[in-house]
Amino acid sequence: MTALTYPHVGATRTGALPAGWRHVRHRVRLPAGSFATAGAAVLSWRLHRAAGIRIDADGPRAAPGVRVTSGLGVGPLRLRAPCEVVWSADDAHRAGFGYGTLPGHPATGEEAFVVSRDDTGRVWFEVIAFSRPQSRLMRAAGPAGRAFQTGYAWWLGRTLRRLCARG
């Protein structure tokens, strides 16, 4: 049984984010022909690791039920963020996943990382999230916490573009 800390499980899959929550939507175009590389990087945790995030996952790929703890920082100053993958996609037009927060995460909500290919063949990466502060640290961070989340989405997009350029 999961212990997700929010009620709107799966909302990032449809993009219909709940009202009253902080929303993040960041979309970046990826190099032509990079769909397979980008999708594999997202689903295998390679993107997050390449972005400097420590990832401890109980599965090699993102799939529903896989638990993952992200870590940012070093040693005792590392901020740990436990999550569980609540949905994943891996087809000809969409590859990615959404995960939701578990107890101990500094926020509550859901975040998705999705690579898509549109009808013209253009490849896109999008981060979609809704959240609220959960810990005292996140509440105290206020606007800086929101800026961090937006900056994190931007950094992941930049990192994925770089990974796709390498092949």
Protein backbone atom coordinates (compact mmCIF):
# COMPACT_ATOMS: atom_id res chain seq x y z
CA MET A 1 0.00 0.00 0.00
CA THR A 2 1.36 3.42 -0.91
CA ALA A 3 1.53 6.35 1.44
CA LEU A 4 1.34 9.17 -1.09
CA THR A 5 0.93 12.53 0.63
CA TYR A 6 -1.62 14.14 -1.72
CA PRO A 7 -5.05 13.26 -3.14
CA HIS A 8 -4.75 14.11 -6.87
CA VAL A 9 -2.79 11.04 -7.97
CA GLY A 10 -2.11 10.99 -11.72
CA ALA A 11 -3.10 14.59 -12.46
CA THR A 12 0.22 15.28 -14.22
CA ARG A 13 -0.59 12.57 -16.77
CA THR A 14 -3.55 14.52 -18.13
CA GLY A 15 -2.20 18.00 -17.36
CA ALA A 16 -5.42 18.92 -15.50
CA LEU A 17 -3.65 20.21 -12.41
CA PRO A 18 -5.65 20.85 -9.24
CA ALA A 19 -6.59 24.39 -8.29
CA GLY A 20 -5.02 25.88 -5.19
CA TRP A 21 -1.62 24.25 -5.70
CA ARG A 22 1.62 25.74 -7.02
CA HIS A 23 1.94 24.76 -10.70
CA VAL A 24 5.05 24.40 -12.85
CA ARG A 25 4.97 23.84 -16.61
CA HIS A 26 8.26 24.08 -18.44
CA ARG A 27 8.61 22.93 -22.05
CA VAL A 28 11.73 22.89 -24.21
CA ARG A 29 12.30 21.70 -27.76
CA LEU A 30 14.87 18.95 -28.19
CA PRO A 31 17.09 18.25 -31.21
CA ALA A 32 15.45 16.61 -34.23
CA GLY A 33 15.57 12.82 -34.13
CA SER A 34 16.26 12.68 -30.38
CA PHE A 35 13.00 11.07 -29.20
CA ALA A 36 14.44 7.61 -28.46
CA THR A 37 17.56 8.95 -26.74
CA ALA A 38 15.61 11.47 -24.68
CA GLY A 39 12.90 8.99 -23.69
CA ALA A 40 15.47 6.43 -22.58
CA ALA A 41 17.33 9.07 -20.54
CA VAL A 42 14.16 10.08 -18.72
CA LEU A 43 12.88 6.56 -18.03
CA SER A 44 16.26 5.18 -16.90
CA TRP A 45 17.03 8.01 -14.39
CA ARG A 46 20.00 9.03 -16.60
CA LEU A 47 18.61 12.56 -17.01
CA HIS A 48 18.37 13.18 -13.27
CA ARG A 49 21.81 11.73 -12.58
CA ALA A 50 23.36 13.79 -15.39
CA ALA A 51 21.74 16.89 -13.84
CA GLY A 52 23.64 16.21 -10.60
CA ILE A 53 20.79 14.63 -8.64
CA ARG A 54 21.57 11.55 -6.58
CA ILE A 55 18.98 8.90 -7.41
CA ASP A 56 18.30 5.83 -5.29
CA ALA A 57 15.57 3.79 -7.00
CA ASP A 58 14.30 0.29 -6.38
CA GLY A 59 14.02 -0.29 -10.14
CA PRO A 60 16.27 0.39 -13.15
CA ARG A 61 13.45 2.23 -14.99
CA ALA A 62 10.55 4.40 -13.99
CA ALA A 63 7.41 2.26 -13.74
CA PRO A 64 4.33 2.45 -11.53
CA GLY A 65 5.15 1.41 -7.98
CA VAL A 66 8.90 2.07 -8.24
CA ARG A 67 10.10 4.07 -5.27
CA VAL A 68 12.83 6.62 -5.78
CA THR A 69 14.61 9.02 -3.46
CA SER A 70 16.24 12.08 -4.99
CA GLY A 71 19.09 13.73 -3.17
CA LEU A 72 20.49 17.20 -3.64
CA GLY A 73 23.51 18.40 -1.71
CA VAL A 74 26.27 16.51 0.08
CA GLY A 75 26.62 14.48 3.24
CA PRO A 76 24.44 15.55 6.14
CA LEU A 77 23.32 18.61 4.14
CA ARG A 78 21.75 16.42 1.45
CA LEU A 79 18.05 17.15 1.01
CA ARG A 80 16.25 13.82 0.51
CA ALA A 81 12.97 13.63 -1.41
CA PRO A 82 11.21 10.22 -1.42
CA CYS A 83 8.66 9.59 -4.18
CA GLU A 84 6.78 6.79 -5.89
CA VAL A 85 6.19 6.53 -9.62
CA VAL A 86 2.41 6.73 -10.14
CA TRP A 87 2.32 6.48 -13.94
CA SER A 88 4.64 5.95 -16.89
CA ALA A 89 4.40 6.04 -20.67
CA ASP A 90 6.65 4.53 -23.32
CA ASP A 91 5.14 4.51 -26.79
CA ALA A 92 5.81 5.98 -30.24
CA HIS A 93 4.78 9.51 -29.22
CA ARG A 94 5.35 9.80 -25.47
CA ALA A 95 7.94 8.58 -22.97
CA GLY A 96 8.14 9.63 -19.36
CA PHE A 97 6.66 9.30 -15.93
CA GLY A 98 5.05 11.07 -13.03
CA TYR A 99 5.93 10.52 -9.42
CA GLY A 100 4.24 11.55 -6.23
CA THR A 101 5.59 12.55 -2.87
CA LEU A 102 5.92 10.16 0.05
CA PRO A 103 6.28 11.01 3.76
CA GLY A 104 9.62 12.74 4.37
CA HIS A 105 9.55 14.75 1.14
CA PRO A 106 9.90 18.51 1.77
CA ALA A 107 6.87 19.16 -0.48
CA THR A 108 3.63 17.39 -1.25
CA GLY A 109 2.39 16.86 -4.79
CA GLU A 110 3.34 15.30 -8.10
CA GLU A 111 5.89 15.97 -10.82
CA ALA A 112 6.15 14.55 -14.33
CA PHE A 113 9.00 14.40 -16.84
CA VAL A 114 7.76 13.73 -20.37
CA VAL A 115 9.35 13.51 -23.81
CA SER A 116 6.87 13.78 -26.67
CA ARG A 117 6.91 13.80 -30.43
CA ASP A 118 4.27 15.94 -32.15
CA ASP A 119 2.58 15.32 -35.51
CA THR A 120 5.30 17.27 -37.35
CA GLY A 121 8.07 15.16 -35.78
CA ARG A 122 9.32 17.85 -33.40
CA VAL A 123 10.56 16.49 -30.07
CA TRP A 124 9.70 18.18 -26.79
CA PHE A 125 10.58 17.74 -23.12
CA GLU A 126 8.16 18.97 -20.51
CA VAL A 127 8.15 19.14 -16.74
CA ILE A 128 4.68 19.39 -15.23
CA ALA A 129 4.15 19.68 -11.49
CA PHE A 130 1.80 20.72 -8.74
CA SER A 131 2.95 21.06 -5.17
CA ARG A 132 2.66 22.65 -1.77
CA PRO A 133 5.34 23.05 0.89
CA GLN A 134 5.30 20.21 3.41
CA SER A 135 8.34 20.79 5.63
CA ARG A 136 9.18 23.85 7.68
CA LEU A 137 12.20 24.37 5.44
CA MET A 138 10.04 24.57 2.30
CA ARG A 139 7.49 26.84 3.96
CA ALA A 140 10.28 29.13 5.13
CA ALA A 141 11.80 29.18 1.63
CA GLY A 142 8.65 30.89 0.29
CA PRO A 143 9.29 32.44 -3.14
CA ALA A 144 12.82 31.01 -3.19
CA GLY A 145 11.35 27.50 -3.06
CA ARG A 146 9.11 28.27 -6.03
CA ALA A 147 12.08 29.74 -7.91
CA PHE A 148 14.10 26.61 -7.16
CA GLN A 149 11.40 24.36 -8.60
CA THR A 150 11.18 26.43 -11.78
CA GLY A 151 14.98 26.55 -12.04
CA TYR A 152 15.16 22.78 -11.55
CA ALA A 153 12.77 22.25 -14.49
CA TRP A 154 14.88 24.60 -16.64
CA TRP A 155 18.09 22.76 -15.60
CA LEU A 156 16.61 19.37 -16.50
CA GLY A 157 15.63 20.69 -19.95
CA ARG A 158 19.11 22.05 -20.52
CA THR A 159 20.70 18.80 -19.35
CA LEU A 160 18.48 16.67 -21.61
CA ARG A 161 19.30 18.84 -24.63
CA ARG A 162 22.99 18.27 -23.87
CA LEU A 163 22.50 14.49 -23.51
CA CYS A 164 20.61 14.36 -26.84
CA ALA A 165 23.34 16.31 -28.62
CA ARG A 166 25.86 13.67 -27.49
CA GLY A 167 23.63 10.85 -28.70
